[in-house]
């Protein structure tokens, strides 16, 4: 049986496209990581793309703040 596509685990977003220039990247993610992202996205009512951007931004911001305190 085929696993559901990752995007089927997220609701559709009604957000308008950003005017900021963006690049498309492709990554391979484990089923476990997709499920963890789905929990975050569904809790915050975000699409998959928005969830990945938010999680990456939060992680990078946390790391930046830790570095600046040293």
N, C-alpha and C. Protein backbone atom coordinates (compact mmCIF):
# COMPACT_ATOMS: atom_id res chain seq x y z
N UNK A 1 0.85 -1.19 0.00
CA UNK A 1 0.00 0.00 0.00
C UNK A 1 0.89 1.24 0.00
N UNK A 2 0.60 2.18 -0.85
CA UNK A 2 1.38 3.41 -0.94
C UNK A 2 1.08 4.33 0.23
N UNK A 3 2.12 4.98 0.72
CA UNK A 3 1.95 5.97 1.79
C UNK A 3 1.29 7.22 1.20
N UNK A 4 0.50 7.92 2.00
CA UNK A 4 -0.10 9.17 1.49
C UNK A 4 0.98 10.18 1.17
N UNK A 5 0.70 11.02 0.22
CA UNK A 5 1.67 12.07 -0.12
C UNK A 5 1.77 13.03 1.06
N UNK A 6 2.96 13.61 1.28
CA UNK A 6 3.12 14.51 2.42
C UNK A 6 2.11 15.65 2.44
N UNK A 7 1.81 16.21 1.28
CA UNK A 7 0.89 17.35 1.26
C UNK A 7 -0.53 16.96 1.66
N UNK A 8 -0.88 15.67 1.59
CA UNK A 8 -2.22 15.25 1.98
C UNK A 8 -2.38 15.29 3.50
N UNK A 9 -1.29 15.45 4.22
CA UNK A 9 -1.35 15.50 5.68
C UNK A 9 -1.54 16.92 6.19
N UNK A 10 -1.65 17.88 5.28
CA UNK A 10 -1.79 19.28 5.64
C UNK A 10 -3.03 19.87 4.99
N UNK A 11 -3.69 20.78 5.69
CA UNK A 11 -4.80 21.48 5.04
C UNK A 11 -4.26 22.44 3.98
N UNK A 12 -5.11 22.83 3.06
CA UNK A 12 -4.73 23.80 2.03
C UNK A 12 -4.69 25.19 2.65
N UNK A 13 -3.71 25.97 2.29
CA UNK A 13 -3.55 27.32 2.82
C UNK A 13 -4.28 28.32 1.92
N UNK A 14 -4.90 29.30 2.53
CA UNK A 14 -5.56 30.37 1.79
C UNK A 14 -4.67 31.60 1.68
N UNK A 15 -3.41 31.47 2.13
CA UNK A 15 -2.50 32.61 2.10
C UNK A 15 -2.14 33.00 0.67
N UNK A 16 -2.00 34.29 0.47
CA UNK A 16 -1.55 34.78 -0.83
C UNK A 16 -0.06 34.53 -0.97
N UNK A 17 0.42 34.40 -2.17
CA UNK A 17 1.84 34.17 -2.42
C UNK A 17 2.65 35.38 -1.95
N UNK A 18 3.83 35.11 -1.47
CA UNK A 18 4.72 36.16 -0.98
C UNK A 18 5.31 36.93 -2.15
N UNK A 19 5.56 38.22 -1.92
CA UNK A 19 6.21 39.02 -2.96
C UNK A 19 7.73 38.94 -2.85
N UNK A 20 8.22 38.27 -1.80
CA UNK A 20 9.66 38.09 -1.62
C UNK A 20 10.16 37.04 -2.60
N UNK A 21 11.27 37.30 -3.28
CA UNK A 21 11.81 36.29 -4.20
C UNK A 21 12.10 34.99 -3.44
N UNK A 22 11.71 33.87 -4.04
CA UNK A 22 11.88 32.58 -3.39
C UNK A 22 12.52 31.59 -4.35
N UNK A 23 13.19 30.61 -3.80
CA UNK A 23 13.80 29.53 -4.58
C UNK A 23 13.09 28.23 -4.22
N UNK A 24 12.95 27.37 -5.18
CA UNK A 24 12.37 26.05 -4.95
C UNK A 24 13.50 25.07 -4.69
N UNK A 25 13.41 24.34 -3.55
CA UNK A 25 14.38 23.30 -3.27
C UNK A 25 13.63 21.99 -3.04
N UNK A 26 14.32 20.91 -3.23
CA UNK A 26 13.72 19.60 -3.05
C UNK A 26 14.54 18.84 -2.02
N UNK A 27 13.87 18.26 -1.03
CA UNK A 27 14.56 17.49 0.00
C UNK A 27 13.84 16.17 0.24
N UNK A 28 14.60 15.19 0.72
CA UNK A 28 14.01 13.92 1.12
C UNK A 28 13.83 13.95 2.63
N UNK A 29 12.64 13.59 3.10
CA UNK A 29 12.35 13.58 4.53
C UNK A 29 11.83 12.21 4.92
N UNK A 30 12.21 11.77 6.11
CA UNK A 30 11.73 10.48 6.61
C UNK A 30 10.24 10.59 6.94
N UNK A 31 9.57 9.44 6.97
CA UNK A 31 8.15 9.43 7.34
C UNK A 31 7.95 10.02 8.73
N UNK A 32 8.89 9.73 9.65
CA UNK A 32 8.78 10.25 11.01
C UNK A 32 8.85 11.77 11.01
N UNK A 33 9.77 12.33 10.26
CA UNK A 33 9.91 13.80 10.21
C UNK A 33 8.67 14.43 9.57
N UNK A 34 8.12 13.81 8.56
CA UNK A 34 6.91 14.32 7.92
C UNK A 34 5.75 14.33 8.92
N UNK A 35 5.64 13.27 9.71
CA UNK A 35 4.58 13.22 10.72
C UNK A 35 4.77 14.30 11.77
N UNK A 36 6.02 14.53 12.17
CA UNK A 36 6.30 15.57 13.15
C UNK A 36 5.98 16.95 12.58
N UNK A 37 6.32 17.17 11.33
CA UNK A 37 5.98 18.44 10.67
C UNK A 37 4.47 18.59 10.56
N UNK A 38 3.78 17.49 10.26
CA UNK A 38 2.32 17.53 10.14
C UNK A 38 1.67 17.95 11.45
N UNK A 39 2.21 17.46 12.56
CA UNK A 39 1.66 17.85 13.87
C UNK A 39 1.78 19.36 14.08
N UNK A 40 2.95 19.91 13.76
CA UNK A 40 3.16 21.35 13.90
C UNK A 40 2.23 22.11 12.95
N UNK A 41 2.22 21.71 11.69
CA UNK A 41 1.41 22.40 10.69
C UNK A 41 -0.07 22.35 10.98
N UNK A 42 -0.55 21.19 11.37
CA UNK A 42 -1.98 21.07 11.66
C UNK A 42 -2.36 21.85 12.91
N UNK A 43 -1.47 21.87 13.91
CA UNK A 43 -1.73 22.63 15.13
C UNK A 43 -1.83 24.12 14.84
N UNK A 44 -1.02 24.59 13.91
CA UNK A 44 -0.98 26.01 13.58
C UNK A 44 -1.75 26.34 12.30
N UNK A 45 -2.44 25.34 11.74
CA UNK A 45 -3.25 25.51 10.54
C UNK A 45 -2.44 26.07 9.37
N UNK A 46 -1.28 25.45 9.11
CA UNK A 46 -0.39 25.88 8.04
C UNK A 46 -0.30 24.80 6.96
N UNK A 47 0.03 25.21 5.75
CA UNK A 47 0.30 24.26 4.68
C UNK A 47 1.67 23.64 4.93
N UNK A 48 2.01 22.61 4.18
CA UNK A 48 3.30 21.96 4.35
C UNK A 48 4.44 22.94 4.10
N UNK A 49 4.38 23.67 3.01
CA UNK A 49 5.44 24.63 2.68
C UNK A 49 5.60 25.67 3.77
N UNK A 50 4.49 26.21 4.24
CA UNK A 50 4.55 27.21 5.31
C UNK A 50 5.13 26.61 6.59
N UNK A 51 4.74 25.39 6.90
CA UNK A 51 5.24 24.72 8.10
C UNK A 51 6.75 24.54 8.03
N UNK A 52 7.25 24.07 6.91
CA UNK A 52 8.69 23.86 6.76
C UNK A 52 9.43 25.19 6.89
N UNK A 53 8.91 26.24 6.27
CA UNK A 53 9.54 27.56 6.39
C UNK A 53 9.56 28.04 7.84
N UNK A 54 8.44 27.88 8.54
CA UNK A 54 8.34 28.33 9.93
C UNK A 54 9.30 27.54 10.82
N UNK A 55 9.32 26.22 10.67
CA UNK A 55 10.20 25.39 11.50
C UNK A 55 11.67 25.72 11.23
N UNK A 56 12.04 25.88 9.97
CA UNK A 56 13.42 26.25 9.64
C UNK A 56 13.77 27.62 10.23
N UNK A 57 12.88 28.58 10.07
CA UNK A 57 13.13 29.92 10.58
C UNK A 57 13.28 29.91 12.09
N UNK A 58 12.41 29.21 12.78
CA UNK A 58 12.49 29.13 14.25
C UNK A 58 13.81 28.50 14.68
N UNK A 59 14.19 27.41 14.03
CA UNK A 59 15.43 26.74 14.38
C UNK A 59 16.65 27.61 14.14
N UNK A 60 16.68 28.28 13.01
CA UNK A 60 17.81 29.16 12.70
C UNK A 60 17.85 30.37 13.63
N UNK A 61 16.69 30.91 13.97
CA UNK A 61 16.62 32.06 14.88
C UNK A 61 17.11 31.66 16.28
N UNK A 62 16.71 30.49 16.74
CA UNK A 62 17.15 30.00 18.05
C UNK A 62 18.67 29.85 18.08
N UNK A 63 19.23 29.28 17.02
CA UNK A 63 20.67 29.10 16.94
C UNK A 63 21.39 30.46 16.91
N UNK A 64 20.84 31.40 16.18
CA UNK A 64 21.44 32.74 16.08
C UNK A 64 21.43 33.42 17.45
N UNK A 65 20.33 33.30 18.19
CA UNK A 65 20.22 33.92 19.50
C UNK A 65 21.22 33.30 20.48
N UNK A 66 21.40 31.98 20.40
CA UNK A 66 22.36 31.31 21.28
C UNK A 66 23.78 31.78 20.98
N UNK A 67 24.12 31.97 19.71
CA UNK A 67 25.46 32.43 19.33
C UNK A 67 25.71 33.86 19.81
N UNK A 68 24.70 34.70 19.72
CA UNK A 68 24.87 36.11 20.09
C UNK A 68 25.03 36.29 21.60
N UNK A 69 24.60 35.31 22.40
CA UNK A 69 24.74 35.40 23.85
C UNK A 69 26.14 35.01 24.31
N UNK A 70 26.92 34.38 23.47
CA UNK A 70 28.28 33.93 23.85
C UNK A 70 29.26 35.07 23.89
